Amino acid sequence: MSRGLGKVEQELLHEIKINPEGRTVVALSGTDPTKAEARRRAARSLDRKGLAVLRKTEAKGFLRSKSLLLSAEAAAEWDDREACRKVEKAREARRVSVQ
């Protein structure tokens, strides 16, 4: 068994801490595939351990969705914004269907 956080897990946590928004992109496009997969594994591990929260952005147009690793505080704000966005989307759909 592992005796603590791995190197990549520590790097991801450091990136979250230094970012004022409390988040980091797990695997940037153009990253070496091996390094990108190591970062994805580390992000999932941190999420399972409860040290960070993993979220996916929605793809818009030709862009691909991204995985973000967030601090607990940033994840709470993210979830609030997403809930408000979904409520507004449902209201708009209801308005359109009634007309």
PDB file of N, CA and C in Angstrom:
ATOM      1  N   MET A   1       0.825  -1.176   0.000  1.00  0.00           N
ATOM      2  CA  MET A   1       0.000   0.000   0.000  1.00  0.00           C
ATOM      3  C   MET A   1       0.877   1.251   0.000  1.00  0.00           C
ATOM      4  N   SER A   2       0.314   2.283  -0.556  1.00  0.00           N
ATOM      5  CA  SER A   2       1.015   3.555  -0.607  1.00  0.00           C
ATOM      6  C   SER A   2       1.086   4.182   0.785  1.00  0.00           C
ATOM      7  N   ARG A   3       2.134   4.916   1.034  1.00  0.00           N
ATOM      8  CA  ARG A   3       2.317   5.547   2.340  1.00  0.00           C
ATOM      9  C   ARG A   3       2.092   7.053   2.281  1.00  0.00           C
ATOM     10  N   GLY A   4       1.220   7.491   1.464  1.00  0.00           N
ATOM     11  CA  GLY A   4       0.944   8.922   1.375  1.00  0.00           C
ATOM     12  C   GLY A   4       0.612   9.306  -0.050  1.00  0.00           C
ATOM     13  N   LEU A   5       0.617  10.579  -0.284  1.00  0.00           N
ATOM     14  CA  LEU A   5       0.296  11.076  -1.616  1.00  0.00           C
ATOM     15  C   LEU A   5       1.475  10.889  -2.552  1.00  0.00           C
ATOM     16  N   GLY A   6       1.157  10.550  -3.785  1.00  0.00           N
ATOM     17  CA  GLY A   6       2.186  10.410  -4.797  1.00  0.00           C
ATOM     18  C   GLY A   6       2.625  11.765  -5.329  1.00  0.00           C
ATOM     19  N   LYS A   7       3.639  11.746  -6.134  1.00  0.00           N
ATOM     20  CA  LYS A   7       4.218  12.970  -6.684  1.00  0.00           C
ATOM     21  C   LYS A   7       3.189  13.748  -7.505  1.00  0.00           C
ATOM     22  N   VAL A   8       2.464  13.065  -8.365  1.00  0.00           N
ATOM     23  CA  VAL A   8       1.500  13.743  -9.240  1.00  0.00           C
ATOM     24  C   VAL A   8       0.323  14.273  -8.419  1.00  0.00           C
ATOM     25  N   GLU A   9      -0.094  13.520  -7.408  1.00  0.00           N
ATOM     26  CA  GLU A   9      -1.171  13.994  -6.526  1.00  0.00           C
ATOM     27  C   GLU A   9      -0.735  15.273  -5.813  1.00  0.00           C
ATOM     28  N   GLN A  10       0.485  15.299  -5.327  1.00  0.00           N
ATOM     29  CA  GLN A  10       1.009  16.493  -4.664  1.00  0.00           C
ATOM     30  C   GLN A  10       1.065  17.676  -5.617  1.00  0.00           C
ATOM     31  N   GLU A  11       1.482  17.424  -6.864  1.00  0.00           N
ATOM     32  CA  GLU A  11       1.539  18.499  -7.868  1.00  0.00           C
ATOM     33  C   GLU A  11       0.148  19.079  -8.114  1.00  0.00           C
ATOM     34  N   LEU A  12      -0.852  18.207  -8.257  1.00  0.00           N
ATOM     35  CA  LEU A  12      -2.210  18.686  -8.511  1.00  0.00           C
ATOM     36  C   LEU A  12      -2.743  19.499  -7.334  1.00  0.00           C
ATOM     37  N   LEU A  13      -2.522  19.036  -6.119  1.00  0.00           N
ATOM     38  CA  LEU A  13      -2.964  19.790  -4.945  1.00  0.00           C
ATOM     39  C   LEU A  13      -2.271  21.145  -4.869  1.00  0.00           C
ATOM     40  N   HIS A  14      -0.992  21.184  -5.223  1.00  0.00           N
ATOM     41  CA  HIS A  14      -0.255  22.450  -5.227  1.00  0.00           C
ATOM     42  C   HIS A  14      -0.849  23.402  -6.265  1.00  0.00           C
ATOM     43  N   GLU A  15      -1.177  22.893  -7.445  1.00  0.00           N
ATOM     44  CA  GLU A  15      -1.774  23.728  -8.493  1.00  0.00           C
ATOM     45  C   GLU A  15      -3.099  24.331  -8.028  1.00  0.00           C
ATOM     46  N   ILE A  16      -3.898  23.536  -7.312  1.00  0.00           N
ATOM     47  CA  ILE A  16      -5.174  24.029  -6.791  1.00  0.00           C
ATOM     48  C   ILE A  16      -4.935  25.131  -5.764  1.00  0.00           C
ATOM     49  N   LYS A  17      -3.959  24.931  -4.896  1.00  0.00           N
ATOM     50  CA  LYS A  17      -3.699  25.894  -3.824  1.00  0.00           C
ATOM     51  C   LYS A  17      -3.192  27.229  -4.345  1.00  0.00           C
ATOM     52  N   ILE A  18      -2.372  27.217  -5.393  1.00  0.00           N
ATOM     53  CA  ILE A  18      -1.814  28.474  -5.896  1.00  0.00           C
ATOM     54  C   ILE A  18      -2.766  29.196  -6.841  1.00  0.00           C
ATOM     55  N   ASN A  19      -3.773  28.502  -7.362  1.00  0.00           N
ATOM     56  CA  ASN A  19      -4.734  29.125  -8.257  1.00  0.00           C
ATOM     57  C   ASN A  19      -5.776  29.870  -7.436  1.00  0.00           C
ATOM     58  N   PRO A  20      -5.979  31.170  -7.683  1.00  0.00           N
ATOM     59  CA  PRO A  20      -6.952  31.934  -6.900  1.00  0.00           C
ATOM     60  C   PRO A  20      -8.382  31.379  -6.999  1.00  0.00           C
ATOM     61  N   GLU A  21      -8.698  30.715  -8.091  1.00  0.00           N
ATOM     62  CA  GLU A  21     -10.032  30.141  -8.267  1.00  0.00           C
ATOM     63  C   GLU A  21     -10.150  28.767  -7.613  1.00  0.00           C
ATOM     64  N   GLY A  22      -9.048  28.210  -7.163  1.00  0.00           N
ATOM     65  CA  GLY A  22      -9.064  26.919  -6.482  1.00  0.00           C
ATOM     66  C   GLY A  22      -9.326  25.749  -7.397  1.00  0.00           C
ATOM     67  N   ARG A  23      -8.835  25.834  -8.626  1.00  0.00           N
ATOM     68  CA  ARG A  23      -9.048  24.727  -9.557  1.00  0.00           C
ATOM     69  C   ARG A  23      -7.892  24.633 -10.551  1.00  0.00           C
ATOM     70  N   THR A  24      -7.832  23.472 -11.206  1.00  0.00           N
ATOM     71  CA  THR A  24      -6.838  23.262 -12.247  1.00  0.00           C
ATOM     72  C   THR A  24      -7.405  22.292 -13.278  1.00  0.00           C
ATOM     73  N   VAL A  25      -6.963  22.428 -14.514  1.00  0.00           N
ATOM     74  CA  VAL A  25      -7.347  21.490 -15.571  1.00  0.00           C
ATOM     75  C   VAL A  25      -6.499  20.247 -15.390  1.00  0.00           C
ATOM     76  N   VAL A  26      -7.138  19.086 -15.398  1.00  0.00           N
ATOM     77  CA  VAL A  26      -6.412  17.839 -15.128  1.00  0.00           C
ATOM     78  C   VAL A  26      -5.449  17.522 -16.258  1.00  0.00           C
ATOM     79  N   ALA A  27      -5.927  17.498 -17.496  1.00  0.00           N
ATOM     80  CA  ALA A  27      -5.058  17.145 -18.626  1.00  0.00           C
ATOM     81  C   ALA A  27      -5.288  18.133 -19.763  1.00  0.00           C
ATOM     82  N   LEU A  28      -4.326  18.996 -19.989  1.00  0.00           N
ATOM     83  CA  LEU A  28      -4.427  19.968 -21.070  1.00  0.00           C
ATOM     84  C   LEU A  28      -4.238  19.283 -22.413  1.00  0.00           C
ATOM     85  N   SER A  29      -4.878  19.827 -23.436  1.00  0.00           N
ATOM     86  CA  SER A  29      -4.683  19.258 -24.764  1.00  0.00           C
ATOM     87  C   SER A  29      -3.230  19.480 -25.173  1.00  0.00           C
ATOM     88  N   GLY A  30      -2.688  18.510 -25.836  1.00  0.00           N
ATOM     89  CA  GLY A  30      -1.297  18.587 -26.266  1.00  0.00           C
ATOM     90  C   GLY A  30      -0.311  18.041 -25.248  1.00  0.00           C
ATOM     91  N   THR A  31      -0.811  17.629 -24.085  1.00  0.00           N
ATOM     92  CA  THR A  31       0.059  17.038 -23.065  1.00  0.00           C
ATOM     93  C   THR A  31       0.449  15.632 -23.498  1.00  0.00           C
ATOM     94  N   ASP A  32       1.642  15.223 -23.134  1.00  0.00           N
ATOM     95  CA  ASP A  32       2.102  13.861 -23.396  1.00  0.00           C
ATOM     96  C   ASP A  32       1.051  12.885 -22.859  1.00  0.00           C
ATOM     97  N   PRO A  33       0.602  11.906 -23.678  1.00  0.00           N
ATOM     98  CA  PRO A  33      -0.454  10.980 -23.246  1.00  0.00           C
ATOM     99  C   PRO A  33      -0.155  10.248 -21.940  1.00  0.00           C
ATOM    100  N   THR A  34       1.089   9.888 -21.719  1.00  0.00           N
ATOM    101  CA  THR A  34       1.456   9.185 -20.495  1.00  0.00           C
ATOM    102  C   THR A  34       1.287  10.102 -19.286  1.00  0.00           C
ATOM    103  N   LYS A  35       1.746  11.340 -19.419  1.00  0.00           N
ATOM    104  CA  LYS A  35       1.617  12.304 -18.320  1.00  0.00           C
ATOM    105  C   LYS A  35       0.148  12.653 -18.089  1.00  0.00           C
ATOM    106  N   ALA A  36      -0.618  12.790 -19.175  1.00  0.00           N
ATOM    107  CA  ALA A  36      -2.039  13.112 -19.046  1.00  0.00           C
ATOM    108  C   ALA A  36      -2.779  12.011 -18.297  1.00  0.00           C
ATOM    109  N   GLU A  37      -2.474  10.764 -18.607  1.00  0.00           N
ATOM    110  CA  GLU A  37      -3.133   9.647 -17.920  1.00  0.00           C
ATOM    111  C   GLU A  37      -2.716   9.588 -16.452  1.00  0.00           C
ATOM    112  N   ALA A  38      -1.470   9.867 -16.157  1.00  0.00           N
ATOM    113  CA  ALA A  38      -1.011   9.889 -14.764  1.00  0.00           C
ATOM    114  C   ALA A  38      -1.751  10.975 -13.984  1.00  0.00           C
ATOM    115  N   ARG A  39      -1.966  12.136 -14.609  1.00  0.00           N
ATOM    116  CA  ARG A  39      -2.700  13.219 -13.947  1.00  0.00           C
ATOM    117  C   ARG A  39      -4.170  12.840 -13.755  1.00  0.00           C
ATOM    118  N   ARG A  40      -4.763  12.155 -14.733  1.00  0.00           N
ATOM    119  CA  ARG A  40      -6.161  11.713 -14.590  1.00  0.00           C
ATOM    120  C   ARG A  40      -6.291  10.711 -13.440  1.00  0.00           C
ATOM    121  N   ARG A  41      -5.365   9.761 -13.364  1.00  0.00           N
ATOM    122  CA  ARG A  41      -5.386   8.778 -12.263  1.00  0.00           C
ATOM    123  C   ARG A  41      -5.227   9.465 -10.919  1.00  0.00           C
ATOM    124  N   ALA A  42      -4.294  10.401 -10.841  1.00  0.00           N
ATOM    125  CA  ALA A  42      -4.050  11.117  -9.589  1.00  0.00           C
ATOM    126  C   ALA A  42      -5.278  11.943  -9.189  1.00  0.00           C
ATOM    127  N   ALA A  43      -5.931  12.565 -10.161  1.00  0.00           N
ATOM    128  CA  ALA A  43      -7.132  13.364  -9.875  1.00  0.00           C
ATOM    129  C   ALA A  43      -8.253  12.474  -9.346  1.00  0.00           C
ATOM    130  N   ARG A  44      -8.447  11.311  -9.962  1.00  0.00           N
ATOM    131  CA  ARG A  44      -9.476  10.375  -9.474  1.00  0.00           C
ATOM    132  C   ARG A  44      -9.150   9.909  -8.059  1.00  0.00           C
ATOM    133  N   SER A  45      -7.879   9.677  -7.797  1.00  0.00           N
ATOM    134  CA  SER A  45      -7.448   9.234  -6.474  1.00  0.00           C
ATOM    135  C   SER A  45      -7.718  10.317  -5.423  1.00  0.00           C
ATOM    136  N   LEU A  46      -7.400  11.572  -5.738  1.00  0.00           N
ATOM    137  CA  LEU A  46      -7.660  12.670  -4.810  1.00  0.00           C
ATOM    138  C   LEU A  46      -9.157  12.835  -4.565  1.00  0.00           C
ATOM    139  N   ASP A  47      -9.950  12.624  -5.605  1.00  0.00           N
ATOM    140  CA  ASP A  47     -11.404  12.705  -5.474  1.00  0.00           C
ATOM    141  C   ASP A  47     -11.910  11.603  -4.549  1.00  0.00           C
ATOM    142  N   ARG A  48     -11.423  10.382  -4.742  1.00  0.00           N
ATOM    143  CA  ARG A  48     -11.825   9.263  -3.886  1.00  0.00           C
ATOM    144  C   ARG A  48     -11.430   9.488  -2.428  1.00  0.00           C
ATOM    145  N   LYS A  49     -10.258  10.099  -2.227  1.00  0.00           N
ATOM    146  CA  LYS A  49      -9.765  10.346  -0.861  1.00  0.00           C
ATOM    147  C   LYS A  49     -10.448  11.548  -0.211  1.00  0.00           C
ATOM    148  N   GLY A  50     -11.206  12.309  -0.991  1.00  0.00           N
ATOM    149  CA  GLY A  50     -11.897  13.473  -0.443  1.00  0.00           C
ATOM    150  C   GLY A  50     -11.018  14.696  -0.277  1.00  0.00           C
ATOM    151  N   LEU A  51      -9.861  14.712  -0.921  1.00  0.00           N
ATOM    152  CA  LEU A  51      -8.943  15.848  -0.807  1.00  0.00           C
ATOM    153  C   LEU A  51      -9.193  16.910  -1.863  1.00  0.00           C
ATOM    154  N   ALA A  52      -9.900  16.549  -2.910  1.00  0.00           N
ATOM    155  CA  ALA A  52     -10.256  17.471  -3.989  1.00  0.00           C
ATOM    156  C   ALA A  52     -11.507  16.894  -4.664  1.00  0.00           C
ATOM    157  N   VAL A  53     -12.101  17.691  -5.542  1.00  0.00           N
ATOM    158  CA  VAL A  53     -13.335  17.280  -6.196  1.00  0.00           C
ATOM    159  C   VAL A  53     -13.134  17.338  -7.707  1.00  0.00           C
ATOM    160  N   LEU A  54     -13.509  16.275  -8.379  1.00  0.00           N
ATOM    161  CA  LEU A  54     -13.351  16.170  -9.823  1.00  0.00           C
ATOM    162  C   LEU A  54     -14.670  16.511 -10.497  1.00  0.00           C
ATOM    163  N   ARG A  55     -14.640  17.419 -11.477  1.00  0.00           N
ATOM    164  CA  ARG A  55     -15.831  17.803 -12.235  1.00  0.00           C
ATOM    165  C   ARG A  55     -15.473  17.860 -13.716  1.00  0.00           C
ATOM    166  N   LYS A  56     -16.472  17.657 -14.570  1.00  0.00           N
ATOM    167  CA  LYS A  56     -16.278  17.775 -16.014  1.00  0.00           C
ATOM    168  C   LYS A  56     -17.040  18.984 -16.520  1.00  0.00           C
ATOM    169  N   THR A  57     -16.414  19.736 -17.413  1.00  0.00           N
ATOM    170  CA  THR A  57     -17.106  20.851 -18.055  1.00  0.00           C
ATOM    171  C   THR A  57     -17.915  20.290 -19.210  1.00  0.00           C
ATOM    172  N   GLU A  58     -18.915  21.034 -19.640  1.00  0.00           N
ATOM    173  CA  GLU A  58     -19.693  20.605 -20.805  1.00  0.00           C
ATOM    174  C   GLU A  58     -19.016  21.118 -22.067  1.00  0.00           C
ATOM    175  N   ALA A  59     -19.045  20.301 -23.085  1.00  0.00           N
ATOM    176  CA  ALA A  59     -18.468  20.701 -24.364  1.00  0.00           C
ATOM    177  C   ALA A  59     -19.426  21.669 -25.043  1.00  0.00           C
ATOM    178  N   LYS A  60     -18.869  22.719 -25.633  1.00  0.00           N
ATOM    179  CA  LYS A  60     -19.683  23.698 -26.359  1.00  0.00           C
ATOM    180  C   LYS A  60     -19.140  23.799 -27.774  1.00  0.00           C
ATOM    181  N   GLY A  61     -20.000  23.570 -28.744  1.00  0.00           N
ATOM    182  CA  GLY A  61     -19.579  23.665 -30.131  1.00  0.00           C
ATOM    183  C   GLY A  61     -18.519  22.647 -30.467  1.00  0.00           C
ATOM    184  N   PHE A  62     -17.405  23.099 -30.999  1.00  0.00           N
ATOM    185  CA  PHE A  62     -16.343  22.193 -31.417  1.00  0.00           C
ATOM    186  C   PHE A  62     -15.371  21.876 -30.284  1.00  0.00           C
ATOM    187  N   LEU A  63     -15.530  22.544 -29.136  1.00  0.00           N
ATOM    188  CA  LEU A  63     -14.636  22.297 -28.013  1.00  0.00           C
ATOM    189  C   LEU A  63     -14.958  20.972 -27.345  1.00  0.00           C
ATOM    190  N   ARG A  64     -13.953  20.364 -26.749  1.00  0.00           N
ATOM    191  CA  ARG A  64     -14.146  19.114 -26.011  1.00  0.00           C
ATOM    192  C   ARG A  64     -14.318  19.441 -24.538  1.00  0.00           C
ATOM    193  N   SER A  65     -15.017  18.569 -23.829  1.00  0.00           N
ATOM    194  CA  SER A  65     -15.171  18.773 -22.396  1.00  0.00           C
ATOM    195  C   SER A  65     -13.828  18.557 -21.708  1.00  0.00           C
ATOM    196  N   LYS A  66     -13.676  19.192 -20.539  1.00  0.00           N
ATOM    197  CA  LYS A  66     -12.433  19.085 -19.777  1.00  0.00           C
ATOM    198  C   LYS A  66     -12.750  18.588 -18.380  1.00  0.00           C
ATOM    199  N   SER A  67     -11.803  17.902 -17.788  1.00  0.00           N
ATOM    200  CA  SER A  67     -11.913  17.514 -16.389  1.00  0.00           C
ATOM    201  C   SER A  67     -11.192  18.563 -15.563  1.00  0.00           C
ATOM    202  N   LEU A  68     -11.876  19.038 -14.532  1.00  0.00           N
ATOM    203  CA  LEU A  68     -11.294  20.016 -13.624  1.00  0.00           C
ATOM    204  C   LEU A  68     -11.181  19.408 -12.238  1.00  0.00           C
ATOM    205  N   LEU A  69     -10.119  19.730 -11.556  1.00  0.00           N
ATOM    206  CA  LEU A  69      -9.949  19.328 -10.169  1.00  0.00           C
ATOM    207  C   LEU A  69     -10.093  20.588  -9.336  1.00  0.00           C
ATOM    208  N   LEU A  70     -11.009  20.555  -8.368  1.00  0.00           N
ATOM    209  CA  LEU A  70     -11.338  21.741  -7.589  1.00  0.00           C
ATOM    210  C   LEU A  70     -11.136  21.497  -6.094  1.00  0.00           C
ATOM    211  N   SER A  71     -10.890  22.583  -5.386  1.00  0.00           N
ATOM    212  CA  SER A  71     -10.886  22.514  -3.924  1.00  0.00           C
ATOM    213  C   SER A  71     -12.331  22.341  -3.469  1.00  0.00           C
ATOM    214  N   ALA A  72     -12.540  22.004  -2.216  1.00  0.00           N
ATOM    215  CA  ALA A  72     -13.899  21.797  -1.702  1.00  0.00           C
ATOM    216  C   ALA A  72     -14.724  23.076  -1.818  1.00  0.00           C
ATOM    217  N   GLU A  73     -14.122  24.220  -1.511  1.00  0.00           N
ATOM    218  CA  GLU A  73     -14.836  25.494  -1.590  1.00  0.00           C
ATOM    219  C   GLU A  73     -15.205  25.826  -3.032  1.00  0.00           C
ATOM    220  N   ALA A  74     -14.255  25.648  -3.942  1.00  0.00           N
ATOM    221  CA  ALA A  74     -14.521  25.925  -5.353  1.00  0.00           C
ATOM    222  C   ALA A  74     -15.580  24.971  -5.893  1.00  0.00           C
ATOM    223  N   ALA A  75     -15.585  23.723  -5.436  1.00  0.00           N
ATOM    224  CA  ALA A  75     -16.582  22.750  -5.891  1.00  0.00           C
ATOM    225  C   ALA A  75     -17.973  23.147  -5.424  1.00  0.00           C
ATOM    226  N   ALA A  76     -18.101  23.670  -4.197  1.00  0.00           N
ATOM    227  CA  ALA A  76     -19.401  24.108  -3.688  1.00  0.00           C
ATOM    228  C   ALA A  76     -19.932  25.259  -4.537  1.00  0.00           C
ATOM    229  N   GLU A  77     -19.075  26.213  -4.874  1.00  0.00           N
ATOM    230  CA  GLU A  77     -19.489  27.326  -5.741  1.00  0.00           C
ATOM    231  C   GLU A  77     -19.857  26.813  -7.125  1.00  0.00           C
ATOM    232  N   TRP A  78     -19.070  25.884  -7.653  1.00  0.00           N
ATOM    233  CA  TRP A  78     -19.326  25.296  -8.968  1.00  0.00           C
ATOM    234  C   TRP A  78     -20.706  24.642  -8.985  1.00  0.00           C
ATOM    235  N   ASP A  79     -20.988  23.843  -7.950  1.00  0.00           N
ATOM    236  CA  ASP A  79     -22.267  23.138  -7.879  1.00  0.00           C
ATOM    237  C   ASP A  79     -23.441  24.112  -7.785  1.00  0.00           C
ATOM    238  N   ASP A  80     -23.272  25.201  -7.026  1.00  0.00           N
ATOM    239  CA  ASP A  80     -24.325  26.216  -6.932  1.00  0.00           C
ATOM    240  C   ASP A  80     -24.596  26.852  -8.291  1.00  0.00           C
ATOM    241  N   ARG A  81     -23.535  27.231  -9.001  1.00  0.00           N
ATOM    242  CA  ARG A  81     -23.703  27.835 -10.337  1.00  0.00           C
ATOM    243  C   ARG A  81     -24.361  26.858 -11.303  1.00  0.00           C
ATOM    244  N   GLU A  82     -23.934  25.595 -11.264  1.00  0.00           N
ATOM    245  CA  GLU A  82     -24.516  24.584 -12.153  1.00  0.00           C
ATOM    246  C   GLU A  82     -25.994  24.368 -11.852  1.00  0.00           C
ATOM    247  N   ALA A  83     -26.362  24.337 -10.566  1.00  0.00           N
ATOM    248  CA  ALA A  83     -27.760  24.156 -10.186  1.00  0.00           C
ATOM    249  C   ALA A  83     -28.594  25.328 -10.689  1.00  0.00           C
ATOM    250  N   CYS A  84     -28.112  26.548 -10.520  1.00  0.00           N
ATOM    251  CA  CYS A  84     -28.829  27.731 -11.010  1.00  0.00           C
ATOM    252  C   CYS A  84     -28.963  27.694 -12.526  1.00  0.00           C
ATOM    253  N   ARG A  85     -27.895  27.289 -13.208  1.00  0.00           N
ATOM    254  CA  ARG A  85     -27.939  27.218 -14.672  1.00  0.00           C
ATOM    255  C   ARG A  85     -28.970  26.200 -15.135  1.00  0.00           C
ATOM    256  N   LYS A  86     -29.046  25.058 -14.469  1.00  0.00           N
ATOM    257  CA  LYS A  86     -30.007  24.018 -14.854  1.00  0.00           C
ATOM    258  C   LYS A  86     -31.440  24.447 -14.577  1.00  0.00           C
ATOM    259  N   VAL A  87     -31.657  25.155 -13.471  1.00  0.00           N
ATOM    260  CA  VAL A  87     -32.993  25.661 -13.167  1.00  0.00           C
ATOM    261  C   VAL A  87     -33.429  26.658 -14.237  1.00  0.00           C
ATOM    262  N   GLU A  88     -32.537  27.564 -14.589  1.00  0.00           N
ATOM    263  CA  GLU A  88     -32.849  28.563 -15.616  1.00  0.00           C
ATOM    264  C   GLU A  88     -33.119  27.895 -16.968  1.00  0.00           C
ATOM    265  N   LYS A  89     -32.365  26.876 -17.293  1.00  0.00           N
ATOM    266  CA  LYS A  89     -32.561  26.140 -18.546  1.00  0.00           C
ATOM    267  C   LYS A  89     -33.927  25.451 -18.550  1.00  0.00           C
ATOM    268  N   ALA A  90     -34.325  24.870 -17.419  1.00  0.00           N
ATOM    269  CA  ALA A  90     -35.630  24.214 -17.313  1.00  0.00           C
ATOM    270  C   ALA A  90     -36.759  25.233 -17.436  1.00  0.00           C
ATOM    271  N   ARG A  91     -36.590  26.403 -16.808  1.00  0.00           N
ATOM    272  CA  ARG A  91     -37.604  27.465 -16.920  1.00  0.00           C
ATOM    273  C   ARG A  91     -37.766  27.918 -18.362  1.00  0.00           C
ATOM    274  N   GLU A  92     -36.657  28.091 -19.032  1.00  0.00           N
ATOM    275  CA  GLU A  92     -36.694  28.517 -20.431  1.00  0.00           C
ATOM    276  C   GLU A  92     -37.380  27.473 -21.300  1.00  0.00           C
ATOM    277  N   ALA A  93     -37.083  26.200 -21.059  1.00  0.00           N
ATOM    278  CA  ALA A  93     -37.711  25.134 -21.825  1.00  0.00           C
ATOM    279  C   ALA A  93     -39.218  25.103 -21.565  1.00  0.00           C
ATOM    280  N   ARG A  94     -39.613  25.348 -20.338  1.00  0.00           N
ATOM    281  CA  ARG A  94     -41.040  25.373 -19.991  1.00  0.00           C
ATOM    282  C   ARG A  94     -41.723  26.547 -20.688  1.00  0.00           C
ATOM    283  N   ARG A  95     -41.076  27.726 -20.707  1.00  0.00           N
ATOM    284  CA  ARG A  95     -41.649  28.896 -21.393  1.00  0.00           C
ATOM    285  C   ARG A  95     -41.845  28.634 -22.860  1.00  0.00           C
ATOM    286  N   VAL A  96     -40.886  28.008 -23.483  1.00  0.00           N
ATOM    287  CA  VAL A  96     -40.956  27.722 -24.916  1.00  0.00           C
ATOM    288  C   VAL A  96     -42.054  26.695 -25.190  1.00  0.00           C
ATOM    289  N   SER A  97     -42.189  25.692 -24.356  1.00  0.00           N
ATOM    290  CA  SER A  97     -43.199  24.647 -24.604  1.00  0.00           C
ATOM    291  C   SER A  97     -44.618  25.158 -24.351  1.00  0.00           C
ATOM    292  N   VAL A  98     -44.797  26.136 -23.457  1.00  0.00           N
ATOM    293  CA  VAL A  98     -46.115  26.686 -23.171  1.00  0.00           C
ATOM    294  C   VAL A  98     -46.595  27.575 -24.308  1.00  0.00           C
ATOM    295  N   GLN A  99     -45.691  28.267 -24.947  1.00  0.00           N
ATOM    296  CA  GLN A  99     -46.058  29.198 -26.021  1.00  0.00           C
ATOM    297  C   GLN A  99     -46.402  28.485 -27.258  1.00  0.00           C
TER     298      GLN A  99
END
